Amino acid sequence: QSGYKEALTEIKGWVCNKNEKSVCCPSTNSCEEEVSSCWLPKKGECGLSPNGTLSRVFGGEATTPGQFPFTALLGYPDTRKIEGREEKQTVYGCGGVLINHWYVVTAAHCQGKSPNPQISTVRLGEWEVGHDPDCISIDGTTNNCLNAAQDFLIRAEQVTIHEDYGKTSAGNIVNDIALVKLDKPAVLNNGVQIVCLPLDKEEAARE
């Protein structure tokens, strides 16, 4: 039959233990696939604002919704008294950037080494906390609204701190970096995009 020999050859290639006659199915979690947790974007696929221009942070200048769509808010659990009652809420105390659909990179000190407080939530697509939706008005007309912010629940085991994070004898903090794995993949839209990492050292140095 047409294709029989080709199919048989492919199946034989899946045999990973001839003694036990076991077959290993080919992996579907390739880092070439965008939905994979190990996938990283190439130049032109990241660091873009909704209008397609490169976004770089400038100190002291007001931003617009979606101008820096790769930024993330890291939230911590908190309890405050409101009208005599204790109510649980989330306080945002650190930031990070989205590097693919599954991971946010941040500073290790944002998690710390003590049990409390630790990161409990990640929020993507937020421009101004407390406003939903995030919009900007031009000439009294509301336009350029972002999609609703995306929230992710984070447990301690989802945060990986650099193994050599700490202080030197001189008191300097070193290896202050950590990865936060989201509990579900981020959905890209006009308020959520992926940042560019300097994967090519020489090109990054030139830029």
C-alpha atoms as a PDB file:
ATOM      1  CA  GLN A   1       0.000   0.000   0.000  1.00  0.00           C
ATOM      2  CA  SER A   2       1.081   3.561  -0.700  1.00  0.00           C
ATOM      3  CA  GLY A   3       3.081   5.009   2.185  1.00  0.00           C
ATOM      4  CA  TYR A   4       3.208   1.718   4.122  1.00  0.00           C
ATOM      5  CA  LYS A   5       6.993   1.374   4.063  1.00  0.00           C
ATOM      6  CA  GLU A   6       7.476   5.022   5.039  1.00  0.00           C
ATOM      7  CA  ALA A   7       5.032   4.679   7.937  1.00  0.00           C
ATOM      8  CA  LEU A   8       6.661   1.433   9.109  1.00  0.00           C
ATOM      9  CA  THR A   9      10.103   3.041   9.063  1.00  0.00           C
ATOM     10  CA  GLU A  10       8.821   5.999  11.098  1.00  0.00           C
ATOM     11  CA  ILE A  11       7.169   3.741  13.693  1.00  0.00           C
ATOM     12  CA  LYS A  12      10.330   1.640  14.021  1.00  0.00           C
ATOM     13  CA  GLY A  13      12.180   4.841  14.781  1.00  0.00           C
ATOM     14  CA  TRP A  14       9.942   5.337  17.831  1.00  0.00           C
ATOM     15  CA  VAL A  15      11.194   2.104  19.462  1.00  0.00           C
ATOM     16  CA  CYS A  16      13.215   3.231  22.497  1.00  0.00           C
ATOM     17  CA  ASN A  17      13.725  -0.144  24.236  1.00  0.00           C
ATOM     18  CA  LYS A  18      14.037  -3.167  21.976  1.00  0.00           C
ATOM     19  CA  ASN A  19      14.297  -5.612  24.886  1.00  0.00           C
ATOM     20  CA  GLU A  20      10.982  -4.499  26.390  1.00  0.00           C
ATOM     21  CA  LYS A  21       9.552  -3.709  22.942  1.00  0.00           C
ATOM     22  CA  SER A  22       8.437  -0.313  24.177  1.00  0.00           C
ATOM     23  CA  VAL A  23       7.677   2.645  21.936  1.00  0.00           C
ATOM     24  CA  CYS A  24       8.280   6.307  22.812  1.00  0.00           C
ATOM     25  CA  CYS A  25       5.886   8.686  21.135  1.00  0.00           C
ATOM     26  CA  PRO A  26       7.500  11.787  19.620  1.00  0.00           C
ATOM     27  CA  SER A  27       7.456  14.815  21.909  1.00  0.00           C
ATOM     28  CA  THR A  28       4.808  17.420  21.181  1.00  0.00           C
ATOM     29  CA  ASN A  29       6.403  19.982  23.494  1.00  0.00           C
ATOM     30  CA  SER A  30       8.907  21.400  21.043  1.00  0.00           C
ATOM     31  CA  CYS A  31      10.546  24.706  21.905  1.00  0.00           C
ATOM     32  CA  GLU A  32       9.782  25.736  18.328  1.00  0.00           C
ATOM     33  CA  GLU A  33       6.069  25.787  19.169  1.00  0.00           C
ATOM     34  CA  GLU A  34       4.841  29.133  20.484  1.00  0.00           C
ATOM     35  CA  VAL A  35       2.612  27.514  23.126  1.00  0.00           C
ATOM     36  CA  SER A  36       5.578  25.637  24.638  1.00  0.00           C
ATOM     37  CA  SER A  37       6.864  26.832  28.005  1.00  0.00           C
ATOM     38  CA  CYS A  38      10.452  26.841  26.650  1.00  0.00           C
ATOM     39  CA  TRP A  39       9.679  28.826  23.477  1.00  0.00           C
ATOM     40  CA  LEU A  40      11.317  32.246  23.143  1.00  0.00           C
ATOM     41  CA  PRO A  41      10.384  34.790  20.453  1.00  0.00           C
ATOM     42  CA  LYS A  42      12.728  35.895  17.700  1.00  0.00           C
ATOM     43  CA  LYS A  43      13.437  39.474  16.721  1.00  0.00           C
ATOM     44  CA  GLY A  44      10.299  41.027  15.259  1.00  0.00           C
ATOM     45  CA  GLU A  45       8.026  38.809  17.381  1.00  0.00           C
ATOM     46  CA  CYS A  46       8.543  40.648  20.669  1.00  0.00           C
ATOM     47  CA  GLY A  47       8.977  44.056  22.303  1.00  0.00           C
ATOM     48  CA  LEU A  48       6.179  45.574  20.251  1.00  0.00           C
ATOM     49  CA  SER A  49       3.441  47.961  21.277  1.00  0.00           C
ATOM     50  CA  PRO A  50      -0.020  47.496  19.657  1.00  0.00           C
ATOM     51  CA  ASN A  51       0.863  49.899  16.835  1.00  0.00           C
ATOM     52  CA  GLY A  52       3.904  47.798  15.953  1.00  0.00           C
ATOM     53  CA  THR A  53       6.646  50.161  17.128  1.00  0.00           C
ATOM     54  CA  LEU A  54       9.435  49.257  19.516  1.00  0.00           C
ATOM     55  CA  SER A  55       8.687  50.148  23.136  1.00  0.00           C
ATOM     56  CA  ARG A  56      11.471  51.335  25.406  1.00  0.00           C
ATOM     57  CA  VAL A  57      11.105  52.808  28.869  1.00  0.00           C
ATOM     58  CA  PHE A  58      11.949  56.495  29.344  1.00  0.00           C
ATOM     59  CA  GLY A  59      12.084  57.860  32.886  1.00  0.00           C
ATOM     60  CA  GLY A  60       9.518  60.390  34.003  1.00  0.00           C
ATOM     61  CA  GLU A  61       7.264  60.372  30.950  1.00  0.00           C
ATOM     62  CA  ALA A  62       3.550  59.571  31.065  1.00  0.00           C
ATOM     63  CA  THR A  63       2.615  56.389  29.231  1.00  0.00           C
ATOM     64  CA  THR A  64      -0.488  55.417  27.266  1.00  0.00           C
ATOM     65  CA  PRO A  65      -2.538  52.195  27.505  1.00  0.00           C
ATOM     66  CA  GLY A  66      -0.666  49.334  25.875  1.00  0.00           C
ATOM     67  CA  GLN A  67       2.557  51.272  25.321  1.00  0.00           C
ATOM     68  CA  PHE A  68       4.520  48.745  27.390  1.00  0.00           C
ATOM     69  CA  PRO A  69       2.377  45.603  27.067  1.00  0.00           C
ATOM     70  CA  PHE A  70       5.060  43.201  28.319  1.00  0.00           C
ATOM     71  CA  THR A  71       5.086  44.577  31.881  1.00  0.00           C
ATOM     72  CA  ALA A  72       3.615  42.538  34.735  1.00  0.00           C
ATOM     73  CA  LEU A  73       2.392  43.368  38.225  1.00  0.00           C
ATOM     74  CA  LEU A  74       3.284  41.009  41.078  1.00  0.00           C
ATOM     75  CA  GLY A  75       0.730  40.874  43.868  1.00  0.00           C
ATOM     76  CA  TYR A  76       0.995  39.918  47.530  1.00  0.00           C
ATOM     77  CA  PRO A  77      -1.739  38.928  49.995  1.00  0.00           C
ATOM     78  CA  ASP A  78      -2.684  41.549  52.544  1.00  0.00           C
ATOM     79  CA  THR A  79      -5.343  42.059  55.196  1.00  0.00           C
ATOM     80  CA  ARG A  80      -6.647  45.510  56.050  1.00  0.00           C
ATOM     81  CA  LYS A  81      -9.381  46.820  58.285  1.00  0.00           C
ATOM     82  CA  ILE A  82     -12.204  48.480  56.371  1.00  0.00           C
ATOM     83  CA  GLU A  83     -15.037  49.929  58.461  1.00  0.00           C
ATOM     84  CA  GLY A  84     -14.029  47.728  61.391  1.00  0.00           C
ATOM     85  CA  ARG A  85     -13.860  44.520  59.327  1.00  0.00           C
ATOM     86  CA  GLU A  86     -10.739  42.687  58.208  1.00  0.00           C
ATOM     87  CA  GLU A  87     -10.785  42.112  54.480  1.00  0.00           C
ATOM     88  CA  LYS A  88      -8.280  40.230  52.352  1.00  0.00           C
ATOM     89  CA  GLN A  89      -6.921  42.011  49.325  1.00  0.00           C
ATOM     90  CA  THR A  90      -4.024  42.004  46.890  1.00  0.00           C
ATOM     91  CA  VAL A  91      -1.281  44.612  47.099  1.00  0.00           C
ATOM     92  CA  TYR A  92       1.025  45.054  44.115  1.00  0.00           C
ATOM     93  CA  GLY A  93       4.580  45.490  45.310  1.00  0.00           C
ATOM     94  CA  CYS A  94       6.855  44.361  42.483  1.00  0.00           C
ATOM     95  CA  GLY A  95       7.040  44.207  38.717  1.00  0.00           C
ATOM     96  CA  GLY A  96       8.329  41.928  35.989  1.00  0.00           C
ATOM     97  CA  VAL A  97       8.194  41.291  32.249  1.00  0.00           C
ATOM     98  CA  LEU A  98       6.543  38.554  30.199  1.00  0.00           C
ATOM     99  CA  ILE A  99       9.166  36.524  28.274  1.00  0.00           C
ATOM    100  CA  ASN A 100       6.818  33.948  26.693  1.00  0.00           C
ATOM    101  CA  HIS A 101       3.268  32.675  27.172  1.00  0.00           C
ATOM    102  CA  TRP A 102       4.171  30.919  30.443  1.00  0.00           C
ATOM    103  CA  TYR A 103       6.899  32.865  32.236  1.00  0.00           C
ATOM    104  CA  VAL A 104       7.512  36.257  33.831  1.00  0.00           C
ATOM    105  CA  VAL A 105      11.049  37.263  34.794  1.00  0.00           C
ATOM    106  CA  THR A 106      11.484  39.422  37.887  1.00  0.00           C
ATOM    107  CA  ALA A 107      13.937  40.200  40.676  1.00  0.00           C
ATOM    108  CA  ALA A 108      14.666  37.464  43.204  1.00  0.00           C
ATOM    109  CA  HIS A 109      14.121  39.883  46.078  1.00  0.00           C
ATOM    110  CA  CYS A 110      10.479  40.175  44.969  1.00  0.00           C
ATOM    111  CA  GLN A 111       9.981  36.633  46.293  1.00  0.00           C
ATOM    112  CA  GLY A 112      12.604  36.671  49.020  1.00  0.00           C
ATOM    113  CA  LYS A 113      13.697  33.711  51.090  1.00  0.00           C
ATOM    114  CA  SER A 114      11.245  34.025  53.979  1.00  0.00           C
ATOM    115  CA  PRO A 115       7.727  32.491  53.802  1.00  0.00           C
ATOM    116  CA  ASN A 116       5.935  35.844  53.953  1.00  0.00           C
ATOM    117  CA  PRO A 117       5.148  37.848  52.049  1.00  0.00           C
ATOM    118  CA  GLN A 118       5.544  35.941  48.809  1.00  0.00           C
ATOM    119  CA  ILE A 119       4.113  36.427  45.335  1.00  0.00           C
ATOM    120  CA  SER A 120       0.515  35.239  45.190  1.00  0.00           C
ATOM    121  CA  THR A 121      -0.713  36.718  41.908  1.00  0.00           C
ATOM    122  CA  VAL A 122       0.543  38.037  38.580  1.00  0.00           C
ATOM    123  CA  ARG A 123      -1.474  40.569  36.590  1.00  0.00           C
ATOM    124  CA  LEU A 124      -0.894  41.254  32.895  1.00  0.00           C
ATOM    125  CA  GLY A 125      -2.434  43.927  30.708  1.00  0.00           C
ATOM    126  CA  GLU A 126      -2.916  46.514  33.450  1.00  0.00           C
ATOM    127  CA  TRP A 127      -2.257  50.196  32.823  1.00  0.00           C
ATOM    128  CA  GLU A 128      -3.806  51.856  35.880  1.00  0.00           C
ATOM    129  CA  VAL A 129      -4.824  49.786  38.890  1.00  0.00           C
ATOM    130  CA  GLY A 130      -8.422  50.396  39.940  1.00  0.00           C
ATOM    131  CA  HIS A 131      -9.666  51.362  36.469  1.00  0.00           C
ATOM    132  CA  ASP A 132     -11.460  48.807  34.313  1.00  0.00           C
ATOM    133  CA  PRO A 133     -11.290  49.028  31.419  1.00  0.00           C
ATOM    134  CA  ASP A 134      -8.107  51.031  30.953  1.00  0.00           C
ATOM    135  CA  CYS A 135      -8.830  53.734  28.381  1.00  0.00           C
ATOM    136  CA  ILE A 136      -7.450  57.076  27.303  1.00  0.00           C
ATOM    137  CA  SER A 137      -9.568  60.083  26.321  1.00  0.00           C
ATOM    138  CA  ILE A 138      -8.649  62.370  23.453  1.00  0.00           C
ATOM    139  CA  ASP A 139     -10.647  65.587  22.983  1.00  0.00           C
ATOM    140  CA  GLY A 140     -13.231  64.326  25.463  1.00  0.00           C
ATOM    141  CA  THR A 141     -13.819  61.118  23.507  1.00  0.00           C
ATOM    142  CA  THR A 142     -12.874  57.805  25.119  1.00  0.00           C
ATOM    143  CA  ASN A 143     -10.922  55.526  22.842  1.00  0.00           C
ATOM    144  CA  ASN A 144      -7.941  53.187  22.815  1.00  0.00           C
ATOM    145  CA  CYS A 145      -9.284  50.855  25.516  1.00  0.00           C
ATOM    146  CA  LEU A 146      -7.348  47.755  26.523  1.00  0.00           C
ATOM    147  CA  ASN A 147      -8.750  44.274  26.933  1.00  0.00           C
ATOM    148  CA  ALA A 148      -9.520  43.226  30.501  1.00  0.00           C
ATOM    149  CA  ALA A 149      -6.440  42.522  32.623  1.00  0.00           C
ATOM    150  CA  GLN A 150      -5.416  38.875  33.065  1.00  0.00           C
ATOM    151  CA  ASP A 151      -4.836  37.488  36.573  1.00  0.00           C
ATOM    152  CA  PHE A 152      -2.826  34.381  37.462  1.00  0.00           C
ATOM    153  CA  LEU A 153      -2.615  32.562  40.788  1.00  0.00           C
ATOM    154  CA  ILE A 154       0.942  31.857  41.925  1.00  0.00           C
ATOM    155  CA  ARG A 155       2.156  29.311  44.462  1.00  0.00           C
ATOM    156  CA  ALA A 156       5.623  29.198  45.990  1.00  0.00           C
ATOM    157  CA  GLU A 157       6.695  26.239  43.828  1.00  0.00           C
ATOM    158  CA  GLN A 158       5.970  28.264  40.684  1.00  0.00           C
ATOM    159  CA  VAL A 159       8.727  30.760  41.534  1.00  0.00           C
ATOM    160  CA  THR A 160      12.343  29.783  40.765  1.00  0.00           C
ATOM    161  CA  ILE A 161      14.996  31.995  42.349  1.00  0.00           C
ATOM    162  CA  HIS A 162      18.576  32.011  41.058  1.00  0.00           C
ATOM    163  CA  GLU A 163      20.433  29.439  43.135  1.00  0.00           C
ATOM    164  CA  ASP A 164      23.229  31.899  43.922  1.00  0.00           C
ATOM    165  CA  TYR A 165      20.994  34.827  44.858  1.00  0.00           C
ATOM    166  CA  GLY A 166      22.187  36.585  47.993  1.00  0.00           C
ATOM    167  CA  LYS A 167      24.559  39.172  49.396  1.00  0.00           C
ATOM    168  CA  THR A 168      28.306  39.368  49.129  1.00  0.00           C
ATOM    169  CA  SER A 169      30.599  40.081  52.077  1.00  0.00           C
ATOM    170  CA  ALA A 170      30.520  43.717  50.964  1.00  0.00           C
ATOM    171  CA  GLY A 171      26.729  43.754  51.210  1.00  0.00           C
ATOM    172  CA  ASN A 172      26.042  43.830  47.473  1.00  0.00           C
ATOM    173  CA  ILE A 173      23.057  41.850  46.174  1.00  0.00           C
ATOM    174  CA  VAL A 174      24.038  39.412  43.414  1.00  0.00           C
ATOM    175  CA  ASN A 175      22.097  37.190  40.999  1.00  0.00           C
ATOM    176  CA  ASP A 176      18.911  39.080  41.802  1.00  0.00           C
ATOM    177  CA  ILE A 177      16.722  37.310  39.251  1.00  0.00           C
ATOM    178  CA  ALA A 178      13.805  34.877  39.339  1.00  0.00           C
ATOM    179  CA  LEU A 179      11.304  33.176  37.045  1.00  0.00           C
ATOM    180  CA  VAL A 180       7.577  33.020  37.775  1.00  0.00           C
ATOM    181  CA  LYS A 181       5.594  30.327  35.955  1.00  0.00           C
ATOM    182  CA  LEU A 182       1.966  31.240  35.282  1.00  0.00           C
ATOM    183  CA  ASP A 183      -0.814  28.784  36.079  1.00  0.00           C
ATOM    184  CA  LYS A 184      -2.129  29.089  32.520  1.00  0.00           C
ATOM    185  CA  PRO A 185      -0.733  30.552  29.291  1.00  0.00           C
ATOM    186  CA  ALA A 186      -1.013  34.301  28.796  1.00  0.00           C
ATOM    187  CA  VAL A 187      -3.272  35.456  25.975  1.00  0.00           C
ATOM    188  CA  LEU A 188      -1.644  38.086  23.782  1.00  0.00           C
ATOM    189  CA  ASN A 189      -3.713  41.146  22.875  1.00  0.00           C
ATOM    190  CA  ASN A 190      -3.381  44.941  22.695  1.00  0.00           C
ATOM    191  CA  GLY A 191      -2.390  45.085  26.365  1.00  0.00           C
ATOM    192  CA  VAL A 192      -0.318  41.898  26.672  1.00  0.00           C
ATOM    193  CA  GLN A 193       2.774  41.172  24.584  1.00  0.00           C
ATOM    194  CA  ILE A 194       6.155  39.476  25.047  1.00  0.00           C
ATOM    195  CA  VAL A 195       9.402  41.310  25.773  1.00  0.00           C
ATOM    196  CA  CYS A 196      12.609  40.717  23.791  1.00  0.00           C
ATOM    197  CA  LEU A 197      15.514  39.020  25.540  1.00  0.00           C
ATOM    198  CA  PRO A 198      19.128  39.647  24.428  1.00  0.00           C
ATOM    199  CA  LEU A 199      19.595  36.127  23.059  1.00  0.00           C
ATOM    200  CA  ASP A 200      22.281  37.309  20.632  1.00  0.00           C
ATOM    201  CA  LYS A 201      24.941  38.958  22.829  1.00  0.00           C
ATOM    202  CA  GLU A 202      26.793  40.629  19.950  1.00  0.00           C
ATOM    203  CA  GLU A 203      23.636  42.085  18.420  1.00  0.00           C
ATOM    204  CA  ALA A 204      22.433  43.270  21.831  1.00  0.00           C
ATOM    205  CA  ALA A 205      25.778  45.010  22.416  1.00  0.00           C
ATOM    206  CA  ARG A 206      25.515  46.810  19.054  1.00  0.00           C
ATOM    207  CA  GLU A 207      22.007  48.052  19.836  1.00  0.00           C
END
